[in-house]
Amino acid sequence: MAKKKLQTDDGETANGQTPGLEDAMAELASIVSRLESGKETLDESLAQFERGMKLLRVCHNKLDAAAQRIEIVTQISSDGEVNTAEFDSTATLQKQSATGRSSRKPVADDDDDALLF
């Protein structure tokens, strides 16, 4: 039987490190399996659910941090130099207005001469 790591309340392991995304997802899958089996007591199930929510927060934080590091390739010059711009992760789709139409403005034609490839 595999040894279980001691966990803290904030999703960290006992040695103070936050688990990697893959480790957190694997532990989440294990928790889901145990909860779906229905073999644990209510208190054990609640503890597992709480642990799962903390791991989910860890996963979201790691994915958000990764999204902040993404850059978009905007142009590659003839000599191979790559120009990039920061990735804007804000939502572009707005909620529909009361009339049922989207309140999003139409996109104007790009007037820059930048080529992606």
Protein backbone atom coordinates (compact mmCIF):
# COMPACT_ATOMS: atom_id res chain seq x y z
CA MET A 1 0.00 0.00 0.00
CA ALA A 2 1.33 3.43 -0.92
CA LYS A 3 2.33 5.82 1.83
CA LYS A 4 0.02 8.78 2.15
CA LYS A 5 1.65 12.21 2.39
CA LEU A 6 0.72 14.32 5.36
CA GLN A 7 -1.29 17.30 4.15
CA THR A 8 -1.76 20.77 5.56
CA ASP A 9 -4.91 22.88 5.41
CA ASP A 10 -3.79 24.99 2.45
CA GLY A 11 -3.21 22.17 -0.02
CA GLU A 12 0.49 21.86 0.74
CA THR A 13 2.33 18.69 1.67
CA ALA A 14 3.88 18.28 5.10
CA ASN A 15 7.25 19.53 3.82
CA GLY A 16 5.66 22.90 2.95
CA GLN A 17 5.66 22.44 -0.82
CA THR A 18 2.63 22.93 -3.01
CA PRO A 19 2.03 19.81 -5.10
CA GLY A 20 2.58 20.05 -8.84
CA LEU A 21 -0.42 20.23 -11.15
CA GLU A 22 -0.12 16.60 -12.20
CA ASP A 23 0.23 15.39 -8.59
CA ALA A 24 -2.75 17.48 -7.48
CA MET A 25 -4.88 16.16 -10.34
CA ALA A 26 -3.88 12.57 -9.58
CA GLU A 27 -4.81 13.02 -5.93
CA LEU A 28 -8.11 14.63 -6.98
CA ALA A 29 -8.88 11.60 -9.17
CA SER A 30 -8.15 9.33 -6.23
CA ILE A 31 -10.43 11.36 -3.96
CA VAL A 32 -13.25 11.24 -6.51
CA SER A 33 -12.91 7.46 -6.77
CA ARG A 34 -13.07 7.07 -3.00
CA LEU A 35 -16.07 9.38 -2.72
CA GLU A 36 -17.89 7.58 -5.54
CA SER A 37 -17.28 4.19 -3.91
CA GLY A 38 -19.45 5.21 -0.95
CA LYS A 39 -17.38 3.07 1.42
CA GLU A 40 -16.15 5.89 3.64
CA THR A 41 -17.99 7.36 6.59
CA LEU A 42 -19.64 10.76 6.37
CA ASP A 43 -16.79 12.38 8.33
CA GLU A 44 -14.17 10.76 6.10
CA SER A 45 -16.10 11.81 2.99
CA LEU A 46 -16.34 15.41 4.22
CA ALA A 47 -12.62 15.47 4.96
CA GLN A 48 -11.88 14.10 1.49
CA PHE A 49 -14.23 16.65 -0.09
CA GLU A 50 -12.48 19.49 1.75
CA ARG A 51 -9.07 18.18 0.65
CA GLY A 52 -10.35 17.96 -2.92
CA MET A 53 -11.52 21.57 -2.85
CA LYS A 54 -8.07 22.69 -1.63
CA LEU A 55 -6.40 20.69 -4.40
CA LEU A 56 -8.79 22.19 -6.92
CA ARG A 57 -7.73 25.65 -5.74
CA VAL A 58 -4.08 24.62 -6.20
CA CYS A 59 -4.85 23.45 -9.75
CA HIS A 60 -6.67 26.67 -10.63
CA ASN A 61 -3.84 28.78 -9.22
CA LYS A 62 -1.23 26.85 -11.20
CA LEU A 63 -3.26 27.12 -14.41
CA ASP A 64 -3.83 30.84 -13.85
CA ALA A 65 -0.10 31.34 -13.29
CA ALA A 66 0.66 29.43 -16.49
CA ALA A 67 -1.81 31.58 -18.44
CA GLN A 68 -0.03 34.70 -17.21
CA ARG A 69 3.23 33.42 -18.73
CA ILE A 70 1.82 32.80 -22.20
CA GLU A 71 2.95 35.15 -24.89
CA ILE A 72 1.47 35.39 -28.34
CA VAL A 73 3.77 35.27 -31.32
CA THR A 74 2.83 38.35 -33.32
CA GLN A 75 5.49 38.36 -36.03
CA ILE A 76 8.55 36.50 -37.22
CA SER A 77 10.98 38.65 -39.17
CA SER A 78 12.89 37.46 -42.21
CA ASP A 79 16.02 36.97 -40.09
CA GLY A 80 14.10 34.68 -37.69
CA GLU A 81 13.58 37.16 -34.85
CA VAL A 82 10.36 36.44 -32.98
CA ASN A 83 8.22 39.34 -31.78
CA THR A 84 5.74 38.60 -29.02
CA ALA A 85 3.00 40.34 -27.07
CA GLU A 86 1.54 39.50 -23.68
CA PHE A 87 -1.49 37.23 -23.67
CA ASP A 88 -4.69 39.02 -22.63
CA SER A 89 -6.69 36.47 -20.68
CA THR A 90 -9.75 38.66 -20.12
CA ALA A 91 -13.03 37.39 -21.48
CA THR A 92 -14.10 38.81 -24.81
CA LEU A 93 -17.66 37.54 -24.90
CA GLN A 94 -20.06 39.79 -23.02
CA LYS A 95 -23.49 38.81 -21.73
CA GLN A 96 -26.42 39.40 -24.01
CA SER A 97 -28.51 42.49 -23.41
CA ALA A 98 -32.21 42.38 -22.59
CA THR A 99 -33.00 42.53 -26.33
CA GLY A 100 -31.23 39.22 -26.83
CA ARG A 101 -28.46 40.78 -28.88
CA SER A 102 -24.86 40.64 -27.87
CA SER A 103 -23.55 43.97 -26.61
CA ARG A 104 -20.16 43.22 -28.13
CA LYS A 105 -18.92 45.74 -30.64
CA PRO A 106 -17.97 44.52 -34.13
CA VAL A 107 -14.28 44.11 -34.75
CA ALA A 108 -12.77 46.70 -37.09
CA ASP A 109 -10.40 45.62 -39.82
CA ASP A 110 -6.83 45.43 -38.63
CA ASP A 111 -4.75 48.20 -40.09
CA ASP A 112 -1.40 46.90 -38.96
CA ASP A 113 0.90 45.11 -41.36
CA ALA A 114 2.05 42.47 -38.88
CA LEU A 115 2.02 38.94 -40.24
CA LEU A 116 1.76 35.92 -38.01
CA PHE A 117 3.69 33.64 -40.37
